[in-house]
PDB file of N, CA and C in Angstrom:
ATOM      1  N   MET A   1      -8.550 -10.775   9.004  1.00  0.00           N
ATOM      2  CA  MET A   1      -8.262 -11.920   9.846  1.00  0.00           C
ATOM      3  C   MET A   1      -7.411 -12.937   9.084  1.00  0.00           C
ATOM      4  N   VAL A   2      -7.636 -13.027   7.781  1.00  0.00           N
ATOM      5  CA  VAL A   2      -6.849 -13.960   6.972  1.00  0.00           C
ATOM      6  C   VAL A   2      -5.377 -13.561   6.985  1.00  0.00           C
ATOM      7  N   ILE A   3      -5.112 -12.255   6.986  1.00  0.00           N
ATOM      8  CA  ILE A   3      -3.737 -11.762   6.959  1.00  0.00           C
ATOM      9  C   ILE A   3      -2.969 -12.216   8.196  1.00  0.00           C
ATOM     10  N   VAL A   4      -3.649 -12.274   9.308  1.00  0.00           N
ATOM     11  CA  VAL A   4      -2.989 -12.668  10.560  1.00  0.00           C
ATOM     12  C   VAL A   4      -2.525 -14.115  10.501  1.00  0.00           C
ATOM     13  N   PHE A   5      -3.231 -14.959   9.771  1.00  0.00           N
ATOM     14  CA  PHE A   5      -2.890 -16.381   9.723  1.00  0.00           C
ATOM     15  C   PHE A   5      -1.917 -16.741   8.598  1.00  0.00           C
ATOM     16  N   ILE A   6      -1.516 -15.788   7.765  1.00  0.00           N
ATOM     17  CA  ILE A   6      -0.590 -16.081   6.668  1.00  0.00           C
ATOM     18  C   ILE A   6       0.726 -16.672   7.175  1.00  0.00           C
ATOM     19  N   PRO A   7       1.373 -16.094   8.193  1.00  0.00           N
ATOM     20  CA  PRO A   7       2.625 -16.718   8.673  1.00  0.00           C
ATOM     21  C   PRO A   7       2.430 -18.147   9.170  1.00  0.00           C
ATOM     22  N   THR A   8       1.307 -18.416   9.816  1.00  0.00           N
ATOM     23  CA  THR A   8       1.029 -19.767  10.318  1.00  0.00           C
ATOM     24  C   THR A   8       0.864 -20.740   9.157  1.00  0.00           C
ATOM     25  N   LEU A   9       0.197 -20.289   8.099  1.00  0.00           N
ATOM     26  CA  LEU A   9       0.021 -21.153   6.933  1.00  0.00           C
ATOM     27  C   LEU A   9       1.356 -21.457   6.263  1.00  0.00           C
ATOM     28  N   PHE A  10       2.221 -20.449   6.133  1.00  0.00           N
ATOM     29  CA  PHE A  10       3.530 -20.687   5.530  1.00  0.00           C
ATOM     30  C   PHE A  10       4.361 -21.652   6.367  1.00  0.00           C
ATOM     31  N   ASN A  11       4.267 -21.521   7.671  1.00  0.00           N
ATOM     32  CA  ASN A  11       5.015 -22.436   8.546  1.00  0.00           C
ATOM     33  C   ASN A  11       4.492 -23.858   8.421  1.00  0.00           C
ATOM     34  N   GLY A  12       3.184 -24.018   8.320  1.00  0.00           N
ATOM     35  CA  GLY A  12       2.595 -25.352   8.283  1.00  0.00           C
ATOM     36  C   GLY A  12       2.644 -26.016   6.919  1.00  0.00           C
ATOM     37  N   LEU A  13       2.267 -25.303   5.872  1.00  0.00           N
ATOM     38  CA  LEU A  13       2.166 -25.900   4.546  1.00  0.00           C
ATOM     39  C   LEU A  13       3.516 -26.070   3.859  1.00  0.00           C
ATOM     40  N   PHE A  14       4.352 -25.072   3.971  1.00  0.00           N
ATOM     41  CA  PHE A  14       5.603 -25.081   3.216  1.00  0.00           C
ATOM     42  C   PHE A  14       6.822 -25.366   4.089  1.00  0.00           C
ATOM     43  N   SER A  15       6.607 -25.603   5.351  1.00  0.00           N
ATOM     44  CA  SER A  15       7.700 -25.818   6.311  1.00  0.00           C
ATOM     45  C   SER A  15       8.720 -24.687   6.247  1.00  0.00           C
ATOM     46  N   ALA A  16       8.228 -23.479   6.051  1.00  0.00           N
ATOM     47  CA  ALA A  16       9.094 -22.305   5.993  1.00  0.00           C
ATOM     48  C   ALA A  16       9.181 -21.679   7.370  1.00  0.00           C
ATOM     49  N   ASN A  17      10.315 -21.118   7.671  1.00  0.00           N
ATOM     50  CA  ASN A  17      10.499 -20.446   8.941  1.00  0.00           C
ATOM     51  C   ASN A  17      10.232 -18.960   8.741  1.00  0.00           C
ATOM     52  N   VAL A  18       9.010 -18.545   8.980  1.00  0.00           N
ATOM     53  CA  VAL A  18       8.613 -17.151   8.795  1.00  0.00           C
ATOM     54  C   VAL A  18       8.835 -16.422  10.111  1.00  0.00           C
ATOM     55  N   SER A  19       9.630 -15.356  10.064  1.00  0.00           N
ATOM     56  CA  SER A  19      10.006 -14.683  11.297  1.00  0.00           C
ATOM     57  C   SER A  19       9.198 -13.419  11.581  1.00  0.00           C
ATOM     58  N   PHE A  20       8.135 -13.175  10.838  1.00  0.00           N
ATOM     59  CA  PHE A  20       7.301 -12.006  11.112  1.00  0.00           C
ATOM     60  C   PHE A  20       5.879 -12.461  11.396  1.00  0.00           C
ATOM     61  N   GLY A  21       5.156 -11.639  12.135  1.00  0.00           N
ATOM     62  CA  GLY A  21       3.803 -12.000  12.519  1.00  0.00           C
ATOM     63  C   GLY A  21       2.766 -11.319  11.653  1.00  0.00           C
ATOM     64  N   GLY A  22       1.532 -11.624  11.918  1.00  0.00           N
ATOM     65  CA  GLY A  22       0.425 -11.045  11.167  1.00  0.00           C
ATOM     66  C   GLY A  22       0.319  -9.545  11.346  1.00  0.00           C
ATOM     67  N   THR A  23       0.682  -9.066  12.530  1.00  0.00           N
ATOM     68  CA  THR A  23       0.623  -7.632  12.791  1.00  0.00           C
ATOM     69  C   THR A  23       1.604  -6.885  11.898  1.00  0.00           C
ATOM     70  N   SER A  24       2.762  -7.457  11.675  1.00  0.00           N
ATOM     71  CA  SER A  24       3.749  -6.829  10.794  1.00  0.00           C
ATOM     72  C   SER A  24       3.216  -6.716   9.375  1.00  0.00           C
ATOM     73  N   ILE A  25       2.532  -7.753   8.912  1.00  0.00           N
ATOM     74  CA  ILE A  25       1.968  -7.721   7.564  1.00  0.00           C
ATOM     75  C   ILE A  25       0.917  -6.624   7.457  1.00  0.00           C
ATOM     76  N   ILE A  26       0.082  -6.483   8.466  1.00  0.00           N
ATOM     77  CA  ILE A  26      -0.953  -5.446   8.453  1.00  0.00           C
ATOM     78  C   ILE A  26      -0.313  -4.063   8.415  1.00  0.00           C
ATOM     79  N   ILE A  27       0.734  -3.858   9.195  1.00  0.00           N
ATOM     80  CA  ILE A  27       1.422  -2.556   9.214  1.00  0.00           C
ATOM     81  C   ILE A  27       2.018  -2.250   7.846  1.00  0.00           C
ATOM     82  N   ILE A  28       2.605  -3.245   7.198  1.00  0.00           N
ATOM     83  CA  ILE A  28       3.185  -3.052   5.868  1.00  0.00           C
ATOM     84  C   ILE A  28       2.094  -2.695   4.863  1.00  0.00           C
ATOM     85  N   ILE A  29       0.977  -3.394   4.892  1.00  0.00           N
ATOM     86  CA  ILE A  29      -0.121  -3.138   3.954  1.00  0.00           C
ATOM     87  C   ILE A  29      -0.680  -1.736   4.154  1.00  0.00           C
ATOM     88  N   VAL A  30      -0.874  -1.327   5.391  1.00  0.00           N
ATOM     89  CA  VAL A  30      -1.397   0.013   5.670  1.00  0.00           C
ATOM     90  C   VAL A  30      -0.405   1.074   5.200  1.00  0.00           C
ATOM     91  N   GLY A  31       0.877   0.865   5.443  1.00  0.00           N
ATOM     92  CA  GLY A  31       1.894   1.821   5.011  1.00  0.00           C
ATOM     93  C   GLY A  31       1.940   1.978   3.503  1.00  0.00           C
ATOM     94  N   VAL A  32       1.887   0.858   2.794  1.00  0.00           N
ATOM     95  CA  VAL A  32       1.906   0.902   1.326  1.00  0.00           C
ATOM     96  C   VAL A  32       0.650   1.577   0.797  1.00  0.00           C
ATOM     97  N   THR A  33      -0.491   1.299   1.401  1.00  0.00           N
ATOM     98  CA  THR A  33      -1.743   1.919   0.968  1.00  0.00           C
ATOM     99  C   THR A  33      -1.709   3.427   1.166  1.00  0.00           C
ATOM    100  N   LEU A  34      -1.235   3.879   2.312  1.00  0.00           N
ATOM    101  CA  LEU A  34      -1.154   5.318   2.570  1.00  0.00           C
ATOM    102  C   LEU A  34      -0.196   6.004   1.607  1.00  0.00           C
ATOM    103  N   GLU A  35       0.935   5.381   1.340  1.00  0.00           N
ATOM    104  CA  GLU A  35       1.905   5.957   0.406  1.00  0.00           C
ATOM    105  C   GLU A  35       1.325   6.040  -1.011  1.00  0.00           C
ATOM    106  N   THR A  36       0.599   5.008  -1.410  1.00  0.00           N
ATOM    107  CA  THR A  36      -0.030   5.008  -2.731  1.00  0.00           C
ATOM    108  C   THR A  36      -1.062   6.115  -2.843  1.00  0.00           C
ATOM    109  N   LEU A  37      -1.869   6.294  -1.812  1.00  0.00           N
ATOM    110  CA  LEU A  37      -2.871   7.356  -1.830  1.00  0.00           C
ATOM    111  C   LEU A  37      -2.223   8.740  -1.888  1.00  0.00           C
ATOM    112  N   GLU A  38      -1.114   8.923  -1.186  1.00  0.00           N
ATOM    113  CA  GLU A  38      -0.397  10.203  -1.241  1.00  0.00           C
ATOM    114  C   GLU A  38       0.139  10.469  -2.637  1.00  0.00           C
ATOM    115  N   GLN A  39       0.649   9.435  -3.311  1.00  0.00           N
ATOM    116  CA  GLN A  39       1.164   9.613  -4.661  1.00  0.00           C
ATOM    117  C   GLN A  39       0.045   9.939  -5.644  1.00  0.00           C
ATOM    118  N   ILE A  40      -1.098   9.288  -5.496  1.00  0.00           N
ATOM    119  CA  ILE A  40      -2.240   9.575  -6.360  1.00  0.00           C
ATOM    120  C   ILE A  40      -2.690  11.016  -6.168  1.00  0.00           C
ATOM    121  N   GLU A  41      -2.774  11.451  -4.925  1.00  0.00           N
ATOM    122  CA  GLU A  41      -3.181  12.823  -4.638  1.00  0.00           C
ATOM    123  C   GLU A  41      -2.178  13.820  -5.227  1.00  0.00           C
ATOM    124  N   SER A  42      -0.897  13.507  -5.127  1.00  0.00           N
ATOM    125  CA  SER A  42       0.133  14.373  -5.673  1.00  0.00           C
ATOM    126  C   SER A  42      -0.003  14.497  -7.189  1.00  0.00           C
ATOM    127  N   HIS A  43      -0.240  13.388  -7.866  1.00  0.00           N
ATOM    128  CA  HIS A  43      -0.413  13.412  -9.322  1.00  0.00           C
ATOM    129  C   HIS A  43      -1.645  14.223  -9.717  1.00  0.00           C
ATOM    130  N   MET A  44      -2.705  14.091  -8.956  1.00  0.00           N
ATOM    131  CA  MET A  44      -3.929  14.843  -9.256  1.00  0.00           C
ATOM    132  C   MET A  44      -3.696  16.347  -9.089  1.00  0.00           C
ATOM    133  N   GLN A  45      -2.932  16.733  -8.071  1.00  0.00           N
ATOM    134  CA  GLN A  45      -2.649  18.156  -7.843  1.00  0.00           C
ATOM    135  C   GLN A  45      -1.772  18.721  -8.954  1.00  0.00           C
ATOM    136  N   VAL A  46      -0.810  17.939  -9.422  1.00  0.00           N
ATOM    137  CA  VAL A  46       0.057  18.389 -10.514  1.00  0.00           C
ATOM    138  C   VAL A  46      -0.763  18.617 -11.774  1.00  0.00           C
ATOM    139  N   ARG A  47      -1.656  17.702 -12.086  1.00  0.00           N
ATOM    140  CA  ARG A  47      -2.504  17.859 -13.278  1.00  0.00           C
ATOM    141  C   ARG A  47      -3.387  19.093 -13.157  1.00  0.00           C
ATOM    142  N   LYS A  48      -3.916  19.333 -11.965  1.00  0.00           N
ATOM    143  CA  LYS A  48      -4.778  20.489 -11.747  1.00  0.00           C
ATOM    144  C   LYS A  48      -3.984  21.780 -11.967  1.00  0.00           C
ATOM    145  N   HIS A  49      -2.760  21.847 -11.445  1.00  0.00           N
ATOM    146  CA  HIS A  49      -1.945  23.045 -11.588  1.00  0.00           C
ATOM    147  C   HIS A  49      -1.444  23.221 -13.014  1.00  0.00           C
ATOM    148  N   GLU A  50      -1.169  22.127 -13.731  1.00  0.00           N
ATOM    149  CA  GLU A  50      -0.749  22.229 -15.123  1.00  0.00           C
ATOM    150  C   GLU A  50      -1.860  22.860 -15.960  1.00  0.00           C
ATOM    151  N   GLY A  51      -3.093  22.446 -15.730  1.00  0.00           N
ATOM    152  CA  GLY A  51      -4.219  23.007 -16.459  1.00  0.00           C
ATOM    153  C   GLY A  51      -4.421  24.470 -16.124  1.00  0.00           C
ATOM    154  N   PHE A  52      -4.187  24.847 -14.890  1.00  0.00           N
ATOM    155  CA  PHE A  52      -4.345  26.242 -14.462  1.00  0.00           C
ATOM    156  C   PHE A  52      -3.294  27.137 -15.120  1.00  0.00           C
ATOM    157  N   LEU A  53      -2.056  26.650 -15.188  1.00  0.00           N
ATOM    158  CA  LEU A  53      -0.965  27.464 -15.730  1.00  0.00           C
ATOM    159  C   LEU A  53      -1.055  27.621 -17.248  1.00  0.00           C
ATOM    160  N   THR A  54      -1.527  26.607 -17.941  1.00  0.00           N
ATOM    161  CA  THR A  54      -1.575  26.666 -19.411  1.00  0.00           C
ATOM    162  C   THR A  54      -2.893  27.244 -19.910  1.00  0.00           C
ATOM    163  N   GLY A  55      -3.847  27.393 -19.039  1.00  0.00           N
ATOM    164  CA  GLY A  55      -5.139  27.922 -19.461  1.00  0.00           C
ATOM    165  C   GLY A  55      -6.116  26.854 -19.909  1.00  0.00           C
ATOM    166  N   ASN A  56      -5.659  25.613 -19.992  1.00  0.00           N
ATOM    167  CA  ASN A  56      -6.539  24.507 -20.356  1.00  0.00           C
ATOM    168  C   ASN A  56      -7.210  23.972 -19.106  1.00  0.00           C
ATOM    169  N   ARG A  57      -8.454  23.738 -19.201  1.00  0.00           N
ATOM    170  CA  ARG A  57      -9.173  23.146 -18.059  1.00  0.00           C
ATOM    171  C   ARG A  57      -9.614  21.759 -18.414  1.00  0.00           C
ATOM    172  N   ARG A  58      -9.342  20.850 -17.506  1.00  0.00           N
ATOM    173  CA  ARG A  58      -9.703  19.441 -17.756  1.00  0.00           C
ATOM    174  C   ARG A  58     -10.880  19.052 -16.938  1.00  0.00           C
TER     175      ARG A  58
END
């Protein structure tokens, strides 16, 4: 709920003209989170396969 009010706070406190809404911020945060999780999963799979190919198990 705080995220939704961020543009309103910027408009009021800093007299900034913010042209995006709270929904846009939520979409950006969700997108970045999903991308980060995909990268973490990718790194974990690479490490697993490296250990399998070299014979070392971690």
